[in-house]
Amino acid sequence: QVQLVESGGGLVQPGGSLRLSCATSGINFSFYDMSWYRQAPGEQRELVARLGRSGITNYADSVKGRFTISRDNPKSMVYLQMSSLKPEDTAVYYCNAVRSLGARTESWGQGTQVTVSP
């Protein structure tokens, strides 16, 4: 059974930092491209950052230079280091796994709330 469990969300002041973690189980982690998405109230879910199996990264323009995605293959973990946070970063953040080796499958975590407010 595939499980993605996010943690690390919370309330932070503008300019602050948070580190999100996503623990995965039930997958061969090295076969998967890992991503973080976010969804603000009333908005569509959007890609924040992606880290492929090859190590290639993609970031939304709005977070470039502030957020960093990383993965630990032996631990089957993916992280999102967020700094210089802004109120507009407030959203539920979701971990996403897409198998890119072999048959394509996709899995989502349950999300973790990040609130940036004074």
N, C-alpha and C. Protein backbone atom coordinates (compact mmCIF):
# COMPACT_ATOMS: atom_id res chain seq x y z
N GLN A 1 0.84 -1.19 0.00
CA GLN A 1 0.00 0.00 0.00
C GLN A 1 0.88 1.24 0.00
N VAL A 2 0.61 2.14 -0.96
CA VAL A 2 1.40 3.36 -1.07
C VAL A 2 0.93 4.37 -0.04
N GLN A 3 1.88 4.95 0.67
CA GLN A 3 1.56 6.01 1.62
C GLN A 3 2.56 7.13 1.49
N LEU A 4 2.03 8.36 1.47
CA LEU A 4 2.84 9.56 1.51
C LEU A 4 2.32 10.38 2.69
N VAL A 5 3.20 10.69 3.63
CA VAL A 5 2.79 11.40 4.83
C VAL A 5 3.64 12.65 4.99
N GLU A 6 2.96 13.80 4.88
CA GLU A 6 3.65 15.07 5.04
C GLU A 6 3.69 15.50 6.49
N SER A 7 4.71 16.28 6.82
CA SER A 7 4.83 16.87 8.15
C SER A 7 5.65 18.14 8.04
N GLY A 8 5.61 18.94 9.12
CA GLY A 8 6.44 20.13 9.17
C GLY A 8 5.71 21.44 8.93
N GLY A 9 4.43 21.37 8.59
CA GLY A 9 3.68 22.60 8.39
C GLY A 9 3.42 23.31 9.70
N GLY A 10 2.89 24.53 9.58
CA GLY A 10 2.57 25.30 10.77
C GLY A 10 2.40 26.76 10.46
N LEU A 11 2.40 27.55 11.54
CA LEU A 11 2.26 29.00 11.44
C LEU A 11 3.63 29.64 11.57
N VAL A 12 3.94 30.53 10.64
CA VAL A 12 5.24 31.21 10.65
C VAL A 12 5.04 32.65 10.23
N GLN A 13 5.88 33.52 10.74
CA GLN A 13 5.79 34.94 10.39
C GLN A 13 6.41 35.18 9.02
N PRO A 14 5.99 36.23 8.34
CA PRO A 14 6.63 36.58 7.07
C PRO A 14 8.14 36.74 7.24
N GLY A 15 8.86 36.20 6.27
CA GLY A 15 10.31 36.20 6.34
C GLY A 15 10.89 34.98 7.01
N GLY A 16 10.05 34.19 7.62
CA GLY A 16 10.52 33.00 8.33
C GLY A 16 10.75 31.81 7.42
N SER A 17 11.09 30.71 8.05
CA SER A 17 11.42 29.48 7.31
C SER A 17 10.67 28.29 7.89
N LEU A 18 10.43 27.31 7.03
CA LEU A 18 9.86 26.03 7.43
C LEU A 18 10.48 24.96 6.55
N ARG A 19 10.54 23.74 7.11
CA ARG A 19 10.99 22.60 6.32
C ARG A 19 9.90 21.54 6.35
N LEU A 20 9.38 21.25 5.17
CA LEU A 20 8.38 20.19 5.05
C LEU A 20 9.08 18.87 4.74
N SER A 21 8.52 17.81 5.29
CA SER A 21 9.02 16.47 5.01
C SER A 21 7.89 15.60 4.49
N CYS A 22 8.25 14.65 3.64
CA CYS A 22 7.29 13.68 3.13
C CYS A 22 7.91 12.30 3.26
N ALA A 23 7.32 11.50 4.10
CA ALA A 23 7.77 10.12 4.28
C ALA A 23 6.95 9.21 3.38
N THR A 24 7.63 8.39 2.61
CA THR A 24 6.93 7.49 1.69
C THR A 24 7.13 6.05 2.11
N SER A 25 6.15 5.23 1.77
CA SER A 25 6.25 3.80 1.99
C SER A 25 5.42 3.09 0.93
N GLY A 26 5.78 1.84 0.68
CA GLY A 26 5.03 1.06 -0.29
C GLY A 26 5.42 1.32 -1.73
N ILE A 27 6.49 2.08 -1.95
CA ILE A 27 6.94 2.33 -3.31
C ILE A 27 8.44 2.09 -3.39
N ASN A 28 8.90 1.81 -4.63
CA ASN A 28 10.35 1.79 -4.86
C ASN A 28 10.74 3.23 -5.15
N PHE A 29 11.18 3.93 -4.12
CA PHE A 29 11.33 5.38 -4.16
C PHE A 29 12.19 5.85 -5.34
N SER A 30 13.20 5.08 -5.67
CA SER A 30 14.12 5.52 -6.72
C SER A 30 13.49 5.50 -8.10
N PHE A 31 12.30 4.90 -8.24
CA PHE A 31 11.61 4.86 -9.52
C PHE A 31 10.73 6.08 -9.74
N TYR A 32 10.65 6.96 -8.74
CA TYR A 32 9.64 8.01 -8.73
C TYR A 32 10.24 9.41 -8.85
N ASP A 33 9.52 10.26 -9.62
CA ASP A 33 9.72 11.69 -9.57
C ASP A 33 8.88 12.22 -8.40
N MET A 34 9.49 13.08 -7.60
CA MET A 34 8.81 13.59 -6.41
C MET A 34 8.55 15.08 -6.55
N SER A 35 7.39 15.50 -6.10
CA SER A 35 7.00 16.91 -6.24
C SER A 35 6.27 17.39 -4.99
N TRP A 36 6.26 18.69 -4.85
CA TRP A 36 5.41 19.37 -3.88
C TRP A 36 4.46 20.27 -4.65
N TYR A 37 3.18 20.17 -4.30
CA TYR A 37 2.15 21.05 -4.81
C TYR A 37 1.56 21.82 -3.64
N ARG A 38 0.83 22.87 -3.95
CA ARG A 38 0.10 23.59 -2.92
C ARG A 38 -1.24 24.06 -3.46
N GLN A 39 -2.16 24.25 -2.52
CA GLN A 39 -3.49 24.73 -2.88
C GLN A 39 -3.96 25.71 -1.82
N ALA A 40 -4.16 26.94 -2.25
CA ALA A 40 -4.68 27.98 -1.37
C ALA A 40 -6.21 27.97 -1.46
N PRO A 41 -6.90 28.49 -0.45
CA PRO A 41 -8.36 28.52 -0.48
C PRO A 41 -8.87 29.22 -1.74
N GLY A 42 -9.79 28.55 -2.44
CA GLY A 42 -10.39 29.13 -3.62
C GLY A 42 -9.51 29.09 -4.86
N GLU A 43 -8.34 28.46 -4.73
CA GLU A 43 -7.41 28.41 -5.85
C GLU A 43 -7.23 26.97 -6.32
N GLN A 44 -6.69 26.81 -7.53
CA GLN A 44 -6.37 25.48 -8.02
C GLN A 44 -5.04 25.03 -7.43
N ARG A 45 -4.89 23.72 -7.37
CA ARG A 45 -3.63 23.17 -6.90
C ARG A 45 -2.55 23.50 -7.93
N GLU A 46 -1.38 23.90 -7.44
CA GLU A 46 -0.30 24.28 -8.34
C GLU A 46 1.01 23.60 -7.95
N LEU A 47 1.83 23.37 -8.97
CA LEU A 47 3.13 22.78 -8.72
C LEU A 47 4.04 23.81 -8.07
N VAL A 48 4.71 23.40 -7.00
CA VAL A 48 5.68 24.25 -6.33
C VAL A 48 7.10 23.87 -6.76
N ALA A 49 7.40 22.58 -6.67
CA ALA A 49 8.75 22.11 -7.00
C ALA A 49 8.70 20.64 -7.36
N ARG A 50 9.55 20.26 -8.28
CA ARG A 50 9.66 18.85 -8.70
C ARG A 50 11.12 18.45 -8.71
N LEU A 51 11.39 17.24 -8.25
CA LEU A 51 12.74 16.68 -8.29
C LEU A 51 12.64 15.30 -8.91
N GLY A 52 13.15 15.18 -10.12
CA GLY A 52 13.07 13.92 -10.84
C GLY A 52 14.07 12.90 -10.35
N ARG A 53 13.89 11.68 -10.87
CA ARG A 53 14.83 10.60 -10.52
C ARG A 53 16.24 10.95 -10.90
N SER A 54 16.36 11.72 -12.01
CA SER A 54 17.68 12.08 -12.53
C SER A 54 18.33 13.20 -11.76
N GLY A 55 17.57 13.83 -10.87
CA GLY A 55 18.10 14.94 -10.11
C GLY A 55 17.74 16.30 -10.66
N ILE A 56 17.04 16.31 -11.79
CA ILE A 56 16.63 17.58 -12.38
C ILE A 56 15.50 18.19 -11.56
N THR A 57 15.62 19.48 -11.30
CA THR A 57 14.61 20.18 -10.50
C THR A 57 13.86 21.21 -11.35
N ASN A 58 12.62 21.43 -10.97
CA ASN A 58 11.81 22.50 -11.55
C ASN A 58 11.12 23.22 -10.40
N TYR A 59 11.04 24.53 -10.51
CA TYR A 59 10.39 25.33 -9.49
C TYR A 59 9.39 26.29 -10.12
N ALA A 60 8.32 26.56 -9.40
CA ALA A 60 7.42 27.63 -9.80
C ALA A 60 8.19 28.95 -9.71
N ASP A 61 7.90 29.85 -10.63
CA ASP A 61 8.61 31.14 -10.63
C ASP A 61 8.45 31.86 -9.29
N SER A 62 7.31 31.69 -8.66
CA SER A 62 7.02 32.41 -7.43
C SER A 62 7.88 31.97 -6.25
N VAL A 63 8.52 30.80 -6.36
CA VAL A 63 9.31 30.31 -5.23
C VAL A 63 10.79 30.17 -5.55
N LYS A 64 11.16 30.43 -6.79
CA LYS A 64 12.58 30.29 -7.17
C LYS A 64 13.46 31.18 -6.28
N GLY A 65 14.55 30.60 -5.82
CA GLY A 65 15.47 31.33 -4.95
C GLY A 65 15.07 31.32 -3.49
N ARG A 66 13.87 30.86 -3.17
CA ARG A 66 13.41 30.82 -1.78
C ARG A 66 13.17 29.39 -1.28
N PHE A 67 12.76 28.53 -2.16
CA PHE A 67 12.43 27.14 -1.79
C PHE A 67 13.45 26.19 -2.42
N THR A 68 13.73 25.11 -1.72
CA THR A 68 14.63 24.09 -2.24
C THR A 68 14.04 22.71 -1.97
N ILE A 69 13.92 21.91 -3.03
CA ILE A 69 13.44 20.54 -2.89
C ILE A 69 14.63 19.60 -2.86
N SER A 70 14.54 18.58 -2.03
CA SER A 70 15.63 17.60 -1.95
C SER A 70 15.02 16.24 -1.62
N ARG A 71 15.80 15.20 -1.85
CA ARG A 71 15.33 13.85 -1.57
C ARG A 71 16.45 13.03 -0.96
N ASP A 72 16.05 12.07 -0.15
CA ASP A 72 16.98 11.13 0.46
C ASP A 72 16.51 9.75 0.04
N ASN A 73 17.13 9.20 -0.99
CA ASN A 73 16.66 7.94 -1.53
C ASN A 73 16.74 6.78 -0.53
N PRO A 74 17.85 6.63 0.22
CA PRO A 74 17.88 5.51 1.19
C PRO A 74 16.76 5.59 2.24
N LYS A 75 16.35 6.81 2.59
CA LYS A 75 15.29 6.98 3.59
C LYS A 75 13.91 7.11 2.95
N SER A 76 13.85 7.16 1.63
CA SER A 76 12.57 7.32 0.92
C SER A 76 11.83 8.57 1.38
N MET A 77 12.58 9.65 1.51
CA MET A 77 12.02 10.91 1.99
C MET A 77 12.24 12.01 0.96
N VAL A 78 11.33 12.96 0.95
CA VAL A 78 11.51 14.17 0.15
C VAL A 78 11.22 15.36 1.05
N TYR A 79 11.94 16.45 0.81
CA TYR A 79 11.85 17.62 1.67
C TYR A 79 11.60 18.87 0.84
N LEU A 80 11.04 19.87 1.49
CA LEU A 80 10.90 21.19 0.88
C LEU A 80 11.35 22.20 1.93
N GLN A 81 12.51 22.79 1.70
CA GLN A 81 13.00 23.85 2.56
C GLN A 81 12.47 25.17 2.04
N MET A 82 11.73 25.86 2.88
CA MET A 82 11.10 27.11 2.48
C MET A 82 11.68 28.24 3.33
N SER A 83 12.14 29.28 2.68
CA SER A 83 12.67 30.43 3.39
C SER A 83 12.08 31.71 2.81
N SER A 84 12.31 32.80 3.51
CA SER A 84 11.76 34.11 3.10
C SER A 84 10.27 33.98 2.77
N LEU A 85 9.55 33.32 3.66
CA LEU A 85 8.14 33.04 3.41
C LEU A 85 7.32 34.31 3.37
N LYS A 86 6.30 34.27 2.51
CA LYS A 86 5.41 35.40 2.30
C LYS A 86 3.98 34.97 2.61
N PRO A 87 3.11 35.92 2.93
CA PRO A 87 1.71 35.54 3.18
C PRO A 87 1.09 34.79 2.01
N GLU A 88 1.50 35.10 0.80
CA GLU A 88 0.94 34.42 -0.37
C GLU A 88 1.42 32.98 -0.50
N ASP A 89 2.34 32.55 0.34
CA ASP A 89 2.74 31.14 0.37
C ASP A 89 1.78 30.31 1.22
N THR A 90 0.84 30.96 1.88
CA THR A 90 -0.13 30.24 2.71
C THR A 90 -0.96 29.31 1.85
N ALA A 91 -0.97 28.03 2.22
CA ALA A 91 -1.68 27.01 1.44
C ALA A 91 -1.55 25.67 2.15
N VAL A 92 -2.29 24.71 1.66
CA VAL A 92 -2.05 23.32 2.03
C VAL A 92 -1.03 22.77 1.04
N TYR A 93 0.03 22.18 1.56
CA TYR A 93 1.10 21.65 0.73
C TYR A 93 0.99 20.13 0.65
N TYR A 94 1.06 19.62 -0.57
CA TYR A 94 0.88 18.20 -0.82
C TYR A 94 2.14 17.58 -1.43
N CYS A 95 2.46 16.41 -0.97
CA CYS A 95 3.53 15.61 -1.55
C CYS A 95 2.94 14.76 -2.67
N ASN A 96 3.67 14.65 -3.76
CA ASN A 96 3.21 13.91 -4.94
C ASN A 96 4.32 13.00 -5.44
N ALA A 97 3.95 11.77 -5.77
CA ALA A 97 4.91 10.81 -6.31
C ALA A 97 4.39 10.28 -7.63
N VAL A 98 5.20 10.37 -8.66
CA VAL A 98 4.84 9.84 -9.98
C VAL A 98 5.92 8.86 -10.40
N ARG A 99 5.48 7.63 -10.66
CA ARG A 99 6.44 6.64 -11.11
C ARG A 99 6.81 6.92 -12.55
N SER A 100 8.08 7.13 -12.82
CA SER A 100 8.53 7.44 -14.17
C SER A 100 9.40 6.33 -14.76
N LEU A 101 9.52 5.23 -14.03
CA LEU A 101 10.23 4.06 -14.55
C LEU A 101 9.24 2.91 -14.54
N GLY A 102 8.87 2.42 -15.76
CA GLY A 102 7.85 1.39 -15.83
C GLY A 102 6.47 2.02 -15.94
N ALA A 103 5.47 1.30 -15.50
CA ALA A 103 4.09 1.77 -15.60
C ALA A 103 3.89 3.02 -14.75
N ARG A 104 3.25 4.04 -15.35
CA ARG A 104 3.05 5.30 -14.64
C ARG A 104 1.97 5.16 -13.59
N THR A 105 2.30 5.50 -12.37
CA THR A 105 1.31 5.61 -11.30
C THR A 105 1.56 6.91 -10.56
N GLU A 106 0.53 7.39 -9.88
CA GLU A 106 0.62 8.65 -9.17
C GLU A 106 -0.04 8.53 -7.82
N SER A 107 0.61 9.10 -6.81
CA SER A 107 0.07 9.06 -5.46
C SER A 107 0.22 10.43 -4.82
N TRP A 108 -0.69 10.70 -3.86
CA TRP A 108 -0.71 11.98 -3.15
C TRP A 108 -0.74 11.74 -1.65
N GLY A 109 -0.14 12.69 -0.94
CA GLY A 109 -0.28 12.71 0.49
C GLY A 109 -1.55 13.45 0.89
N GLN A 110 -1.78 13.54 2.19
CA GLN A 110 -3.01 14.15 2.69
C GLN A 110 -2.87 15.66 2.85
N GLY A 111 -1.65 16.16 2.78
CA GLY A 111 -1.43 17.60 2.86
C GLY A 111 -1.06 18.08 4.25
N THR A 112 -0.34 19.19 4.29
CA THR A 112 0.01 19.84 5.55
C THR A 112 -0.16 21.34 5.37
N GLN A 113 -0.77 21.97 6.36
CA GLN A 113 -1.10 23.39 6.27
C GLN A 113 0.11 24.24 6.60
N VAL A 114 0.36 25.22 5.74
CA VAL A 114 1.37 26.25 6.00
C VAL A 114 0.66 27.60 6.00
N THR A 115 0.81 28.31 7.09
CA THR A 115 0.20 29.62 7.22
C THR A 115 1.28 30.64 7.53
N VAL A 116 1.37 31.66 6.68
CA VAL A 116 2.35 32.72 6.87
C VAL A 116 1.59 33.99 7.24
N SER A 117 1.77 34.42 8.47
CA SER A 117 0.98 35.54 8.98
C SER A 117 1.75 36.21 10.12
N PRO A 118 1.60 37.56 10.24
CA PRO A 118 2.27 38.25 11.35
C PRO A 118 1.77 37.76 12.71
